[in-house]
Amino acid sequence: MIDAARMAKRHWSGILRWFQTKIANGIMEAINSLVQAAKAKARGYRSTRNLKAIICLIAGKLELAFPT
């Protein structure tokens, strides 16, 4: 019981953050994998501005269909 209390005390900010945001670790890992894929695609670009644009295009799931 004492070990559980110590663990809760160590992770208290993360526990409270979950109640505020309702974002689980799995969702954060999925977003991280999208960012890593964007970094791989953006390799060779000169600025972080372009990397941010690639991340928005991949993670934002924008619909870029041409009008008909």
C-alpha atoms as a PDB file:
ATOM      1  CA  MET A   1       0.000   0.000   0.000  1.00  0.00           C
ATOM      2  CA  ILE A   2       2.861   2.349   0.776  1.00  0.00           C
ATOM      3  CA  ASP A   3       4.414   1.661  -2.642  1.00  0.00           C
ATOM      4  CA  ALA A   4       1.137   2.544  -4.362  1.00  0.00           C
ATOM      5  CA  ALA A   5       0.932   5.809  -2.427  1.00  0.00           C
ATOM      6  CA  ARG A   6       4.500   6.708  -3.383  1.00  0.00           C
ATOM      7  CA  MET A   7       3.795   5.956  -7.038  1.00  0.00           C
ATOM      8  CA  ALA A   8       0.653   8.117  -6.970  1.00  0.00           C
ATOM      9  CA  LYS A   9       2.635  10.950  -5.375  1.00  0.00           C
ATOM     10  CA  ARG A  10       5.367  10.707  -8.048  1.00  0.00           C
ATOM     11  CA  HIS A  11       2.831  10.787 -10.888  1.00  0.00           C
ATOM     12  CA  TRP A  12       0.368  13.226  -9.333  1.00  0.00           C
ATOM     13  CA  SER A  13       0.725  15.929 -12.020  1.00  0.00           C
ATOM     14  CA  GLY A  14       0.133  13.371 -14.781  1.00  0.00           C
ATOM     15  CA  ILE A  15      -2.915  12.001 -12.987  1.00  0.00           C
ATOM     16  CA  LEU A  16      -4.422  15.471 -12.654  1.00  0.00           C
ATOM     17  CA  ARG A  17      -3.562  16.269 -16.273  1.00  0.00           C
ATOM     18  CA  TRP A  18      -5.563  13.257 -17.437  1.00  0.00           C
ATOM     19  CA  PHE A  19      -8.649  14.455 -15.578  1.00  0.00           C
ATOM     20  CA  GLN A  20      -8.316  17.910 -17.153  1.00  0.00           C
ATOM     21  CA  THR A  21      -7.594  16.873 -20.757  1.00  0.00           C
ATOM     22  CA  LYS A  22      -8.883  13.266 -21.023  1.00  0.00           C
ATOM     23  CA  ILE A  23      -5.965  12.529 -23.344  1.00  0.00           C
ATOM     24  CA  ALA A  24      -4.551   9.059 -22.736  1.00  0.00           C
ATOM     25  CA  ASN A  25      -0.978   8.002 -23.402  1.00  0.00           C
ATOM     26  CA  GLY A  26      -2.007   5.992 -26.465  1.00  0.00           C
ATOM     27  CA  ILE A  27      -3.379   9.086 -28.172  1.00  0.00           C
ATOM     28  CA  MET A  28      -0.190  10.985 -27.444  1.00  0.00           C
ATOM     29  CA  GLU A  29       1.879   8.127 -28.875  1.00  0.00           C
ATOM     30  CA  ALA A  30      -0.241   8.149 -32.042  1.00  0.00           C
ATOM     31  CA  ILE A  31       0.325  11.888 -32.475  1.00  0.00           C
ATOM     32  CA  ASN A  32       4.040  11.356 -31.883  1.00  0.00           C
ATOM     33  CA  SER A  33       4.185   8.704 -34.616  1.00  0.00           C
ATOM     34  CA  LEU A  34       2.518  11.142 -37.032  1.00  0.00           C
ATOM     35  CA  VAL A  35       5.114  13.790 -36.166  1.00  0.00           C
ATOM     36  CA  GLN A  36       7.934  11.295 -36.683  1.00  0.00           C
ATOM     37  CA  ALA A  37       6.505  10.383 -40.106  1.00  0.00           C
ATOM     38  CA  ALA A  38       6.326  14.081 -40.957  1.00  0.00           C
ATOM     39  CA  LYS A  39       9.957  14.509 -39.952  1.00  0.00           C
ATOM     40  CA  ALA A  40      10.933  11.674 -42.273  1.00  0.00           C
ATOM     41  CA  LYS A  41       8.993  13.248 -45.155  1.00  0.00           C
ATOM     42  CA  ALA A  42      10.346  16.738 -44.447  1.00  0.00           C
ATOM     43  CA  ARG A  43      13.964  15.626 -44.451  1.00  0.00           C
ATOM     44  CA  GLY A  44      15.997  17.907 -46.671  1.00  0.00           C
ATOM     45  CA  TYR A  45      13.891  21.019 -46.159  1.00  0.00           C
ATOM     46  CA  ARG A  46      15.768  24.034 -44.924  1.00  0.00           C
ATOM     47  CA  SER A  47      13.553  25.429 -42.191  1.00  0.00           C
ATOM     48  CA  THR A  48      11.416  24.321 -39.287  1.00  0.00           C
ATOM     49  CA  ARG A  49       8.566  26.286 -40.861  1.00  0.00           C
ATOM     50  CA  ASN A  50       8.377  23.689 -43.618  1.00  0.00           C
ATOM     51  CA  LEU A  51       8.471  20.870 -41.058  1.00  0.00           C
ATOM     52  CA  LYS A  52       5.539  22.454 -39.240  1.00  0.00           C
ATOM     53  CA  ALA A  53       3.632  22.680 -42.514  1.00  0.00           C
ATOM     54  CA  ILE A  54       4.239  18.981 -43.240  1.00  0.00           C
ATOM     55  CA  ILE A  55       3.097  18.055 -39.703  1.00  0.00           C
ATOM     56  CA  CYS A  56      -0.112  20.047 -40.167  1.00  0.00           C
ATOM     57  CA  LEU A  57      -0.764  18.388 -43.516  1.00  0.00           C
ATOM     58  CA  ILE A  58      -0.248  14.879 -42.122  1.00  0.00           C
ATOM     59  CA  ALA A  59      -1.734  15.189 -38.638  1.00  0.00           C
ATOM     60  CA  GLY A  60      -4.444  17.716 -39.498  1.00  0.00           C
ATOM     61  CA  LYS A  61      -6.232  15.372 -41.908  1.00  0.00           C
ATOM     62  CA  LEU A  62      -7.122  18.289 -44.135  1.00  0.00           C
ATOM     63  CA  GLU A  63      -9.311  17.558 -47.114  1.00  0.00           C
ATOM     64  CA  LEU A  64      -7.522  19.102 -50.072  1.00  0.00           C
ATOM     65  CA  ALA A  65      -9.880  18.069 -52.867  1.00  0.00           C
ATOM     66  CA  PHE A  66     -10.070  20.289 -55.923  1.00  0.00           C
ATOM     67  CA  PRO A  67     -13.436  21.894 -56.600  1.00  0.00           C
ATOM     68  CA  THR A  68     -15.365  20.354 -59.476  1.00  0.00           C
END
